[in-house]
Amino acid sequence: MPIALGMVEVLGHPPALAVADVMVKAARVTLVGYEVVSGARLTIIVRGDVSEVQIAVAAGVEAAKKIPAQSPKEKTLYLSSTVIPRPHENLEAIFPKMRFQYGDGWERFLV
């Protein structure tokens, strides 16, 4: 099964949690976690089958765009997103906590 990595970057913890929730509910993906980029910038990371990750990222982007910004200087809390189909194995060396292959017990995350 081709594995993909999907990421959505937002401003703030509450939007990050909302986006992560939408992503795992929209498709059969595993939430890898999140990375604090700087300050309030967070990147939500999921993995799974390429088509499922694409669906999850699209749903996450839509959810992030619907969350209203509380500050007048920010127009949106959504910053960026990307899907990496079949990430190279060297990426795992850079990001050790991201295991791109399904490990033991992944079946419990199936919908």
C-alpha atoms as a PDB file:
ATOM      1  CA  MET A   1       0.000   0.000   0.000  1.00  0.00           C
ATOM      2  CA  PRO A   2       1.517   3.377  -0.966  1.00  0.00           C
ATOM      3  CA  ILE A   3       1.992   5.504   2.127  1.00  0.00           C
ATOM      4  CA  ALA A   4       1.658   9.279   2.055  1.00  0.00           C
ATOM      5  CA  LEU A   5       2.357  12.060   4.498  1.00  0.00           C
ATOM      6  CA  GLY A   6      -0.071  14.977   4.809  1.00  0.00           C
ATOM      7  CA  MET A   7       0.387  18.256   6.655  1.00  0.00           C
ATOM      8  CA  VAL A   8      -1.819  21.249   7.435  1.00  0.00           C
ATOM      9  CA  GLU A   9      -0.351  24.341   9.106  1.00  0.00           C
ATOM     10  CA  VAL A  10      -2.546  26.658  11.202  1.00  0.00           C
ATOM     11  CA  LEU A  11      -2.296  29.421  13.793  1.00  0.00           C
ATOM     12  CA  GLY A  12      -3.160  28.348  17.338  1.00  0.00           C
ATOM     13  CA  HIS A  13      -3.767  25.217  19.369  1.00  0.00           C
ATOM     14  CA  PRO A  14      -7.586  25.208  19.261  1.00  0.00           C
ATOM     15  CA  PRO A  15      -7.660  25.370  15.432  1.00  0.00           C
ATOM     16  CA  ALA A  16      -4.969  22.665  15.313  1.00  0.00           C
ATOM     17  CA  LEU A  17      -7.083  20.340  17.451  1.00  0.00           C
ATOM     18  CA  ALA A  18     -10.179  21.047  15.377  1.00  0.00           C
ATOM     19  CA  VAL A  19      -8.307  20.392  12.123  1.00  0.00           C
ATOM     20  CA  ALA A  20      -6.757  17.172  13.466  1.00  0.00           C
ATOM     21  CA  ASP A  21     -10.201  15.968  14.528  1.00  0.00           C
ATOM     22  CA  VAL A  22     -11.711  16.685  11.103  1.00  0.00           C
ATOM     23  CA  MET A  23      -8.790  15.021   9.295  1.00  0.00           C
ATOM     24  CA  VAL A  24      -9.023  11.715  11.162  1.00  0.00           C
ATOM     25  CA  LYS A  25     -12.822  11.664  10.859  1.00  0.00           C
ATOM     26  CA  ALA A  26     -12.816  12.440   7.125  1.00  0.00           C
ATOM     27  CA  ALA A  27     -10.520   9.623   6.005  1.00  0.00           C
ATOM     28  CA  ARG A  28      -8.770   6.469   7.139  1.00  0.00           C
ATOM     29  CA  VAL A  29      -5.517   8.080   8.266  1.00  0.00           C
ATOM     30  CA  THR A  30      -3.316   7.909  11.332  1.00  0.00           C
ATOM     31  CA  LEU A  31      -2.581  11.100  13.235  1.00  0.00           C
ATOM     32  CA  VAL A  32       1.198  11.189  13.591  1.00  0.00           C
ATOM     33  CA  GLY A  33       1.077  14.280  15.761  1.00  0.00           C
ATOM     34  CA  TYR A  34       1.816  17.943  15.440  1.00  0.00           C
ATOM     35  CA  GLU A  35       4.910  20.100  15.282  1.00  0.00           C
ATOM     36  CA  VAL A  36       5.154  23.546  16.831  1.00  0.00           C
ATOM     37  CA  VAL A  37       6.804  25.524  14.060  1.00  0.00           C
ATOM     38  CA  SER A  38       7.177  28.815  15.929  1.00  0.00           C
ATOM     39  CA  GLY A  39       5.029  30.677  18.388  1.00  0.00           C
ATOM     40  CA  ALA A  40       1.426  29.862  17.524  1.00  0.00           C
ATOM     41  CA  ARG A  41       2.171  28.136  14.200  1.00  0.00           C
ATOM     42  CA  LEU A  42       1.424  24.412  14.344  1.00  0.00           C
ATOM     43  CA  THR A  43       1.563  21.721  11.677  1.00  0.00           C
ATOM     44  CA  ILE A  44      -0.795  18.754  11.972  1.00  0.00           C
ATOM     45  CA  ILE A  45       0.679  15.587  10.434  1.00  0.00           C
ATOM     46  CA  VAL A  46      -1.195  12.495   9.219  1.00  0.00           C
ATOM     47  CA  ARG A  47      -0.172   9.418   7.273  1.00  0.00           C
ATOM     48  CA  GLY A  48      -1.916   6.680   5.366  1.00  0.00           C
ATOM     49  CA  ASP A  49      -2.874   5.621   1.870  1.00  0.00           C
ATOM     50  CA  VAL A  50      -2.260   8.380  -0.700  1.00  0.00           C
ATOM     51  CA  SER A  51      -5.929   8.884  -1.585  1.00  0.00           C
ATOM     52  CA  GLU A  52      -6.987   8.857   2.074  1.00  0.00           C
ATOM     53  CA  VAL A  53      -4.340  11.431   3.014  1.00  0.00           C
ATOM     54  CA  GLN A  54      -5.457  13.672   0.146  1.00  0.00           C
ATOM     55  CA  ILE A  55      -9.049  13.503   1.408  1.00  0.00           C
ATOM     56  CA  ALA A  56      -7.964  14.200   4.994  1.00  0.00           C
ATOM     57  CA  VAL A  57      -5.810  17.185   4.035  1.00  0.00           C
ATOM     58  CA  ALA A  58      -8.581  18.667   1.879  1.00  0.00           C
ATOM     59  CA  ALA A  59     -11.032  18.311   4.783  1.00  0.00           C
ATOM     60  CA  GLY A  60      -8.500  19.825   7.194  1.00  0.00           C
ATOM     61  CA  VAL A  61      -7.919  22.812   4.928  1.00  0.00           C
ATOM     62  CA  GLU A  62     -11.654  23.448   4.621  1.00  0.00           C
ATOM     63  CA  ALA A  63     -12.091  23.197   8.392  1.00  0.00           C
ATOM     64  CA  ALA A  64      -9.202  25.582   9.048  1.00  0.00           C
ATOM     65  CA  LYS A  65     -10.597  28.137   6.608  1.00  0.00           C
ATOM     66  CA  LYS A  66     -13.992  28.077   8.377  1.00  0.00           C
ATOM     67  CA  ILE A  67     -12.550  28.918  11.811  1.00  0.00           C
ATOM     68  CA  PRO A  68     -12.851  32.680  12.311  1.00  0.00           C
ATOM     69  CA  ALA A  69      -9.712  34.604  13.232  1.00  0.00           C
ATOM     70  CA  GLN A  70     -10.023  36.497  16.509  1.00  0.00           C
ATOM     71  CA  SER A  71      -7.401  39.107  15.691  1.00  0.00           C
ATOM     72  CA  PRO A  72      -8.093  41.799  13.077  1.00  0.00           C
ATOM     73  CA  LYS A  73      -4.569  41.488  11.643  1.00  0.00           C
ATOM     74  CA  GLU A  74      -5.094  37.804  10.748  1.00  0.00           C
ATOM     75  CA  LYS A  75      -7.516  37.127   7.934  1.00  0.00           C
ATOM     76  CA  THR A  76      -7.437  33.343   8.337  1.00  0.00           C
ATOM     77  CA  LEU A  77      -5.964  30.755  10.676  1.00  0.00           C
ATOM     78  CA  TYR A  78      -5.067  28.461   7.759  1.00  0.00           C
ATOM     79  CA  LEU A  79      -1.455  28.894   6.614  1.00  0.00           C
ATOM     80  CA  SER A  80      -0.460  26.060   4.279  1.00  0.00           C
ATOM     81  CA  SER A  81      -0.814  22.374   3.450  1.00  0.00           C
ATOM     82  CA  THR A  82       0.905  19.645   1.483  1.00  0.00           C
ATOM     83  CA  VAL A  83       0.691  15.954   0.647  1.00  0.00           C
ATOM     84  CA  ILE A  84       3.852  13.936   0.031  1.00  0.00           C
ATOM     85  CA  PRO A  85       3.067  10.633  -1.713  1.00  0.00           C
ATOM     86  CA  ARG A  86       5.543   7.850  -0.961  1.00  0.00           C
ATOM     87  CA  PRO A  87       7.981   9.923   1.163  1.00  0.00           C
ATOM     88  CA  HIS A  88      11.606   8.910   0.809  1.00  0.00           C
ATOM     89  CA  GLU A  89      12.936   6.699   3.607  1.00  0.00           C
ATOM     90  CA  ASN A  90      15.542   9.337   4.503  1.00  0.00           C
ATOM     91  CA  LEU A  91      12.747  11.579   5.776  1.00  0.00           C
ATOM     92  CA  GLU A  92      12.263   9.110   8.610  1.00  0.00           C
ATOM     93  CA  ALA A  93      15.858   9.768   9.675  1.00  0.00           C
ATOM     94  CA  ILE A  94      15.111  13.501   9.834  1.00  0.00           C
ATOM     95  CA  PHE A  95      11.779  13.065  11.604  1.00  0.00           C
ATOM     96  CA  PRO A  96      12.286   9.998  13.830  1.00  0.00           C
ATOM     97  CA  LYS A  97       8.815  10.088  15.386  1.00  0.00           C
ATOM     98  CA  MET A  98       7.179   9.782  11.954  1.00  0.00           C
ATOM     99  CA  ARG A  99       6.956   6.109  11.093  1.00  0.00           C
ATOM    100  CA  PHE A 100       5.744   5.977   7.510  1.00  0.00           C
ATOM    101  CA  GLN A 101       5.036   2.261   7.521  1.00  0.00           C
ATOM    102  CA  TYR A 102       2.185   0.940   9.612  1.00  0.00           C
ATOM    103  CA  GLY A 103       3.470  -0.445  12.902  1.00  0.00           C
ATOM    104  CA  ASP A 104       1.899  -2.959  15.230  1.00  0.00           C
ATOM    105  CA  GLY A 105      -1.690  -2.334  16.202  1.00  0.00           C
ATOM    106  CA  TRP A 106      -2.588   0.021  13.370  1.00  0.00           C
ATOM    107  CA  GLU A 107      -5.749  -1.986  12.663  1.00  0.00           C
ATOM    108  CA  ARG A 108      -7.504  -0.329  15.620  1.00  0.00           C
ATOM    109  CA  PHE A 109      -7.525   2.946  13.665  1.00  0.00           C
ATOM    110  CA  LEU A 110      -9.493   1.489  10.750  1.00  0.00           C
ATOM    111  CA  VAL A 111     -12.939   2.951  10.296  1.00  0.00           C
END
